[in-house]
């Protein structure tokens, strides 16, 4: 009988953890340089709290973050300077915790709590 009660308690605990995961958020720092900050209210650093999972209950990725930034953070109407065909525009370097995003899986990287994500425009007028 005690074993059955322990199993029930564990299952209930797991269910609550699953419910919390659906409503939990990730605290991240997003930075923009190289001129990109002007698309984001001339603010270089943004401390954001984003959902931990997307609409499909999957962990959020950099691709999700890019769309999230365009919908929720970018005040400038020139979204084409940041995204092109729903992907990050070529010429924008991304560092995830000081590592090139190409080493981390680019848009498929699953964002972790306390991540620092830096977007740098390498294209400048002349």
N, C-alpha and C. Protein backbone atom coordinates (compact mmCIF):
# COMPACT_ATOMS: atom_id res chain seq x y z
N UNK A 1 0.82 -1.19 0.00
CA UNK A 1 0.00 0.00 0.00
C UNK A 1 0.86 1.26 0.00
N UNK A 2 1.96 1.26 0.75
CA UNK A 2 2.85 2.42 0.81
C UNK A 2 3.47 2.70 -0.56
N UNK A 3 3.82 1.63 -1.30
CA UNK A 3 4.41 1.81 -2.62
C UNK A 3 3.42 2.47 -3.57
N UNK A 4 2.15 2.12 -3.47
CA UNK A 4 1.14 2.72 -4.32
C UNK A 4 1.01 4.21 -4.01
N UNK A 5 1.02 4.56 -2.73
CA UNK A 5 0.90 5.97 -2.35
C UNK A 5 2.09 6.78 -2.85
N UNK A 6 3.29 6.20 -2.78
CA UNK A 6 4.49 6.90 -3.24
C UNK A 6 4.39 7.14 -4.75
N UNK A 7 3.91 6.14 -5.48
CA UNK A 7 3.77 6.29 -6.92
C UNK A 7 2.76 7.37 -7.26
N UNK A 8 1.65 7.40 -6.54
CA UNK A 8 0.64 8.42 -6.76
C UNK A 8 1.21 9.81 -6.50
N UNK A 9 1.96 9.95 -5.42
CA UNK A 9 2.55 11.24 -5.08
C UNK A 9 3.52 11.68 -6.16
N UNK A 10 4.35 10.75 -6.65
CA UNK A 10 5.31 11.10 -7.70
C UNK A 10 4.59 11.53 -8.96
N UNK A 11 3.53 10.83 -9.34
CA UNK A 11 2.79 11.17 -10.54
C UNK A 11 2.17 12.55 -10.41
N UNK A 12 1.57 12.83 -9.25
CA UNK A 12 0.97 14.14 -9.02
C UNK A 12 2.04 15.22 -9.09
N UNK A 13 3.20 14.98 -8.50
CA UNK A 13 4.29 15.95 -8.54
C UNK A 13 4.74 16.21 -9.97
N UNK A 14 4.80 15.18 -10.79
CA UNK A 14 5.19 15.33 -12.18
C UNK A 14 4.15 16.15 -12.93
N UNK A 15 2.87 15.89 -12.67
CA UNK A 15 1.82 16.65 -13.34
C UNK A 15 1.93 18.14 -13.03
N UNK A 16 2.19 18.46 -11.77
CA UNK A 16 2.33 19.87 -11.39
C UNK A 16 3.56 20.48 -12.05
N UNK A 17 4.63 19.72 -12.15
CA UNK A 17 5.84 20.23 -12.80
C UNK A 17 5.56 20.51 -14.27
N UNK A 18 4.79 19.65 -14.92
CA UNK A 18 4.44 19.86 -16.32
C UNK A 18 3.60 21.11 -16.49
N UNK A 19 2.65 21.32 -15.59
CA UNK A 19 1.82 22.51 -15.65
C UNK A 19 2.67 23.76 -15.47
N UNK A 20 3.61 23.74 -14.55
CA UNK A 20 4.48 24.89 -14.31
C UNK A 20 5.38 25.16 -15.50
N UNK A 21 5.84 24.10 -16.18
CA UNK A 21 6.71 24.26 -17.33
C UNK A 21 5.97 25.01 -18.44
N UNK A 22 4.66 24.77 -18.58
CA UNK A 22 3.88 25.42 -19.62
C UNK A 22 3.74 26.92 -19.37
N UNK A 23 3.78 27.34 -18.13
CA UNK A 23 3.58 28.75 -17.81
C UNK A 23 4.87 29.43 -17.36
N UNK A 24 5.98 28.72 -17.37
CA UNK A 24 7.22 29.31 -16.89
C UNK A 24 7.84 30.23 -17.95
N UNK A 25 8.74 31.08 -17.48
CA UNK A 25 9.41 32.01 -18.38
C UNK A 25 10.92 31.89 -18.21
N UNK A 26 11.62 32.41 -19.19
CA UNK A 26 13.08 32.46 -19.17
C UNK A 26 13.50 33.93 -19.10
N UNK A 27 14.42 34.24 -18.22
CA UNK A 27 14.97 35.59 -18.15
C UNK A 27 16.26 35.62 -18.95
N UNK A 28 16.28 36.45 -19.98
CA UNK A 28 17.45 36.53 -20.86
C UNK A 28 17.84 37.99 -21.07
N UNK A 29 19.06 38.19 -21.51
CA UNK A 29 19.54 39.52 -21.88
C UNK A 29 19.78 39.50 -23.39
N UNK A 30 19.18 40.44 -24.09
CA UNK A 30 19.37 40.57 -25.53
C UNK A 30 20.02 41.93 -25.79
N UNK A 31 21.09 41.91 -26.60
CA UNK A 31 21.81 43.15 -26.91
C UNK A 31 21.89 43.35 -28.41
N UNK A 32 21.89 44.62 -28.82
CA UNK A 32 21.98 44.98 -30.23
C UNK A 32 23.10 46.00 -30.41
N UNK A 33 23.97 45.79 -31.41
CA UNK A 33 25.04 46.75 -31.72
C UNK A 33 25.19 46.87 -33.23
N UNK A 34 26.10 47.74 -33.64
CA UNK A 34 26.38 47.92 -35.06
C UNK A 34 25.27 48.64 -35.80
N UNK A 35 24.43 49.36 -35.06
CA UNK A 35 23.33 50.09 -35.67
C UNK A 35 21.97 49.44 -35.47
N UNK A 36 21.94 48.17 -35.08
CA UNK A 36 20.66 47.49 -34.87
C UNK A 36 19.86 48.09 -33.71
N UNK A 37 20.58 48.70 -32.77
CA UNK A 37 19.88 49.26 -31.61
C UNK A 37 18.87 50.33 -32.01
N UNK A 38 19.08 51.00 -33.15
CA UNK A 38 18.13 52.02 -33.57
C UNK A 38 16.78 51.42 -33.97
N UNK A 39 16.76 50.14 -34.32
CA UNK A 39 15.50 49.46 -34.62
C UNK A 39 14.74 49.11 -33.34
N UNK A 40 15.45 49.13 -32.22
CA UNK A 40 14.87 48.74 -30.94
C UNK A 40 14.90 49.92 -29.96
N UNK A 41 14.29 51.02 -30.38
CA UNK A 41 14.13 52.23 -29.56
C UNK A 41 15.46 52.81 -29.08
N UNK A 42 16.51 52.65 -29.88
CA UNK A 42 17.84 53.15 -29.52
C UNK A 42 18.31 52.63 -28.17
N UNK A 43 17.84 51.46 -27.82
CA UNK A 43 18.24 50.84 -26.55
C UNK A 43 19.09 49.62 -26.88
N UNK A 44 20.30 49.61 -26.38
CA UNK A 44 21.24 48.53 -26.70
C UNK A 44 20.92 47.24 -25.95
N UNK A 45 20.60 47.34 -24.67
CA UNK A 45 20.38 46.14 -23.84
C UNK A 45 18.91 46.02 -23.47
N UNK A 46 18.40 44.81 -23.59
CA UNK A 46 17.01 44.53 -23.22
C UNK A 46 16.98 43.30 -22.32
N UNK A 47 16.56 43.48 -21.09
CA UNK A 47 16.34 42.35 -20.18
C UNK A 47 14.92 41.87 -20.44
N UNK A 48 14.80 40.65 -20.96
CA UNK A 48 13.49 40.13 -21.35
C UNK A 48 13.11 38.91 -20.55
N UNK A 49 11.83 38.74 -20.39
CA UNK A 49 11.26 37.54 -19.82
C UNK A 49 10.36 36.95 -20.90
N UNK A 50 10.77 35.81 -21.45
CA UNK A 50 10.03 35.20 -22.56
C UNK A 50 9.48 33.85 -22.12
N UNK A 51 8.44 33.37 -22.81
CA UNK A 51 7.91 32.05 -22.47
C UNK A 51 8.98 30.98 -22.64
N UNK A 52 8.95 29.97 -21.79
CA UNK A 52 9.93 28.88 -21.88
C UNK A 52 9.59 27.91 -23.01
N UNK A 53 8.32 27.87 -23.39
CA UNK A 53 7.89 26.98 -24.47
C UNK A 53 7.07 27.78 -25.48
N UNK A 54 7.07 27.31 -26.73
CA UNK A 54 6.31 27.99 -27.77
C UNK A 54 4.86 27.51 -27.78
N UNK A 55 4.11 27.88 -28.79
CA UNK A 55 2.69 27.50 -28.88
C UNK A 55 2.49 26.01 -29.06
N UNK A 56 3.53 25.29 -29.46
CA UNK A 56 3.47 23.84 -29.63
C UNK A 56 4.04 23.10 -28.44
N UNK A 57 4.25 23.81 -27.33
CA UNK A 57 4.81 23.25 -26.09
C UNK A 57 6.23 22.73 -26.27
N UNK A 58 6.96 23.28 -27.23
CA UNK A 58 8.36 22.92 -27.44
C UNK A 58 9.24 24.03 -26.87
N UNK A 59 10.45 23.70 -26.42
CA UNK A 59 11.35 24.74 -25.89
C UNK A 59 11.58 25.84 -26.93
N UNK A 60 11.61 27.08 -26.47
CA UNK A 60 11.80 28.19 -27.40
C UNK A 60 13.23 28.19 -27.95
N UNK A 61 13.34 28.62 -29.19
CA UNK A 61 14.61 28.63 -29.91
C UNK A 61 14.95 30.07 -30.31
N UNK A 62 16.12 30.22 -30.91
CA UNK A 62 16.51 31.53 -31.43
C UNK A 62 15.52 31.97 -32.52
N UNK A 63 15.04 31.05 -33.33
CA UNK A 63 14.05 31.40 -34.35
C UNK A 63 12.81 32.00 -33.69
N UNK A 64 12.36 31.40 -32.60
CA UNK A 64 11.22 31.94 -31.85
C UNK A 64 11.57 33.33 -31.33
N UNK A 65 12.77 33.50 -30.78
CA UNK A 65 13.18 34.78 -30.23
C UNK A 65 13.17 35.87 -31.29
N UNK A 66 13.65 35.56 -32.48
CA UNK A 66 13.68 36.55 -33.56
C UNK A 66 12.26 37.04 -33.86
N UNK A 67 11.32 36.11 -33.99
CA UNK A 67 9.92 36.50 -34.23
C UNK A 67 9.37 37.27 -33.04
N UNK A 68 9.70 36.83 -31.83
CA UNK A 68 9.25 37.49 -30.61
C UNK A 68 9.75 38.93 -30.56
N UNK A 69 11.02 39.13 -30.89
CA UNK A 69 11.59 40.47 -30.88
C UNK A 69 10.87 41.39 -31.86
N UNK A 70 10.58 40.87 -33.05
CA UNK A 70 9.88 41.68 -34.06
C UNK A 70 8.47 42.04 -33.61
N UNK A 71 7.79 41.11 -32.96
CA UNK A 71 6.41 41.34 -32.54
C UNK A 71 6.30 42.17 -31.26
N UNK A 72 7.23 41.99 -30.33
CA UNK A 72 7.06 42.56 -29.00
C UNK A 72 8.06 43.64 -28.59
N UNK A 73 9.21 43.68 -29.23
CA UNK A 73 10.26 44.60 -28.78
C UNK A 73 10.58 45.68 -29.80
N UNK A 74 10.56 45.32 -31.07
CA UNK A 74 10.91 46.27 -32.13
C UNK A 74 9.78 47.28 -32.32
N UNK A 75 10.12 48.56 -32.20
CA UNK A 75 9.15 49.63 -32.41
C UNK A 75 9.27 50.21 -33.82
N UNK A 76 10.41 50.03 -34.44
CA UNK A 76 10.65 50.53 -35.79
C UNK A 76 9.84 49.70 -36.78
N UNK A 77 9.31 50.33 -37.80
CA UNK A 77 8.49 49.62 -38.80
C UNK A 77 9.35 48.92 -39.86
N UNK A 78 10.64 49.17 -39.87
CA UNK A 78 11.52 48.59 -40.90
C UNK A 78 12.04 47.21 -40.49
N UNK A 79 11.13 46.27 -40.32
CA UNK A 79 11.50 44.92 -39.89
C UNK A 79 12.43 44.24 -40.90
N UNK A 80 12.35 44.67 -42.16
CA UNK A 80 13.19 44.08 -43.21
C UNK A 80 14.68 44.34 -42.98
N UNK A 81 15.01 45.27 -42.10
CA UNK A 81 16.42 45.49 -41.76
C UNK A 81 16.93 44.47 -40.75
N UNK A 82 16.00 43.71 -40.17
CA UNK A 82 16.37 42.69 -39.17
C UNK A 82 16.07 41.28 -39.66
N UNK A 83 14.95 41.11 -40.36
CA UNK A 83 14.59 39.79 -40.87
C UNK A 83 14.34 39.84 -42.38
N UNK A 84 14.53 38.71 -43.02
CA UNK A 84 14.29 38.55 -44.45
C UNK A 84 13.72 37.16 -44.65
N UNK A 85 12.52 37.07 -45.20
CA UNK A 85 11.85 35.78 -45.40
C UNK A 85 11.76 34.97 -44.11
N UNK A 86 11.37 35.64 -43.03
CA UNK A 86 11.18 35.01 -41.71
C UNK A 86 12.46 34.45 -41.09
N UNK A 87 13.61 34.87 -41.58
CA UNK A 87 14.90 34.46 -41.02
C UNK A 87 15.72 35.72 -40.75
N UNK A 88 16.70 35.57 -39.90
CA UNK A 88 17.58 36.69 -39.61
C UNK A 88 18.28 37.13 -40.89
N UNK A 89 18.33 38.40 -41.10
CA UNK A 89 18.93 38.95 -42.31
C UNK A 89 20.42 38.62 -42.38
N UNK A 90 20.91 38.26 -43.57
CA UNK A 90 22.36 38.05 -43.74
C UNK A 90 23.12 39.31 -43.35
N UNK A 91 24.28 39.15 -42.77
CA UNK A 91 25.08 40.28 -42.33
C UNK A 91 24.89 40.62 -40.87
N UNK A 92 24.05 39.83 -40.18
CA UNK A 92 23.88 40.03 -38.74
C UNK A 92 24.53 38.86 -38.03
N UNK A 93 25.52 39.16 -37.23
CA UNK A 93 26.24 38.17 -36.44
C UNK A 93 25.50 37.97 -35.13
N UNK A 94 25.38 36.72 -34.69
CA UNK A 94 24.71 36.43 -33.42
C UNK A 94 25.69 35.69 -32.52
N UNK A 95 25.81 36.18 -31.30
CA UNK A 95 26.62 35.50 -30.28
C UNK A 95 25.69 35.06 -29.16
N UNK A 96 25.81 33.80 -28.79
CA UNK A 96 25.04 33.25 -27.68
C UNK A 96 26.03 32.97 -26.56
N UNK A 97 25.92 33.71 -25.49
CA UNK A 97 26.86 33.59 -24.37
C UNK A 97 28.30 33.67 -24.87
N UNK A 98 28.57 34.65 -25.73
CA UNK A 98 29.88 34.95 -26.30
C UNK A 98 30.40 33.90 -27.28
N UNK A 99 29.54 32.98 -27.73
CA UNK A 99 29.94 31.98 -28.74
C UNK A 99 29.13 32.22 -30.01
N UNK A 100 29.78 32.07 -31.16
CA UNK A 100 29.11 32.23 -32.44
C UNK A 100 27.93 31.26 -32.52
N UNK A 101 26.79 31.75 -32.95
CA UNK A 101 25.60 30.90 -32.98
C UNK A 101 25.74 29.72 -33.94
N UNK A 102 26.67 29.81 -34.90
CA UNK A 102 26.91 28.68 -35.79
C UNK A 102 27.42 27.47 -35.02
N UNK A 103 28.10 27.70 -33.91
CA UNK A 103 28.59 26.61 -33.06
C UNK A 103 27.49 26.05 -32.17
N UNK A 104 26.40 26.80 -32.03
CA UNK A 104 25.32 26.42 -31.12
C UNK A 104 24.08 25.89 -31.84
N UNK A 105 24.11 25.85 -33.18
CA UNK A 105 22.95 25.34 -33.91
C UNK A 105 22.11 26.42 -34.57
N UNK A 106 22.62 27.64 -34.60
CA UNK A 106 21.94 28.78 -35.22
C UNK A 106 20.51 28.91 -34.70
N UNK A 107 19.52 28.98 -35.60
CA UNK A 107 18.13 29.24 -35.20
C UNK A 107 17.51 28.11 -34.38
N UNK A 108 18.12 26.93 -34.39
CA UNK A 108 17.54 25.80 -33.65
C UNK A 108 18.01 25.74 -32.20
N UNK A 109 18.94 26.62 -31.82
CA UNK A 109 19.44 26.63 -30.44
C UNK A 109 18.28 26.86 -29.47
N UNK A 110 18.17 26.00 -28.46
CA UNK A 110 17.12 26.14 -27.45
C UNK A 110 17.59 27.09 -26.36
N UNK A 111 16.87 28.17 -26.19
CA UNK A 111 17.25 29.22 -25.25
C UNK A 111 17.16 28.71 -23.82
N UNK A 112 18.16 29.08 -23.03
CA UNK A 112 18.23 28.70 -21.62
C UNK A 112 18.06 29.94 -20.75
N UNK A 113 17.60 29.74 -19.52
CA UNK A 113 17.48 30.85 -18.59
C UNK A 113 18.85 31.51 -18.40
N UNK A 114 18.88 32.81 -18.34
CA UNK A 114 20.09 33.63 -18.14
C UNK A 114 20.99 33.72 -19.37
N UNK A 115 20.54 33.26 -20.53
CA UNK A 115 21.35 33.41 -21.74
C UNK A 115 21.54 34.89 -22.07
N UNK A 116 22.70 35.18 -22.67
CA UNK A 116 22.99 36.52 -23.17
C UNK A 116 23.14 36.38 -24.68
N UNK A 117 22.25 37.03 -25.42
CA UNK A 117 22.22 36.89 -26.87
C UNK A 117 22.49 38.26 -27.49
N UNK A 118 23.54 38.32 -28.29
CA UNK A 118 24.00 39.57 -28.88
C UNK A 118 23.81 39.52 -30.40
N UNK A 119 23.15 40.54 -30.95
CA UNK A 119 22.97 40.69 -32.40
C UNK A 119 23.84 41.86 -32.84
N UNK A 120 24.73 41.61 -33.82
CA UNK A 120 25.65 42.64 -34.30
C UNK A 120 25.49 42.77 -35.81
N UNK A 121 25.17 43.97 -36.26
CA UNK A 121 25.12 44.22 -37.70
C UNK A 121 26.54 44.42 -38.20
N UNK A 122 26.89 43.68 -39.24
CA UNK A 122 28.22 43.84 -39.83
C UNK A 122 28.14 44.69 -41.10
N UNK A 123 26.93 45.15 -41.44
CA UNK A 123 26.73 45.97 -42.63
C UNK A 123 26.59 47.43 -42.21
N UNK A 124 27.39 48.27 -42.82
CA UNK A 124 27.35 49.69 -42.50
C UNK A 124 27.35 50.49 -43.79
N UNK A 125 26.65 51.60 -43.76
CA UNK A 125 26.63 52.49 -44.92
C UNK A 125 27.98 53.16 -45.12
N UNK A 126 28.18 53.71 -46.27
CA UNK A 126 29.47 54.34 -46.49
C UNK A 126 29.42 55.48 -47.44
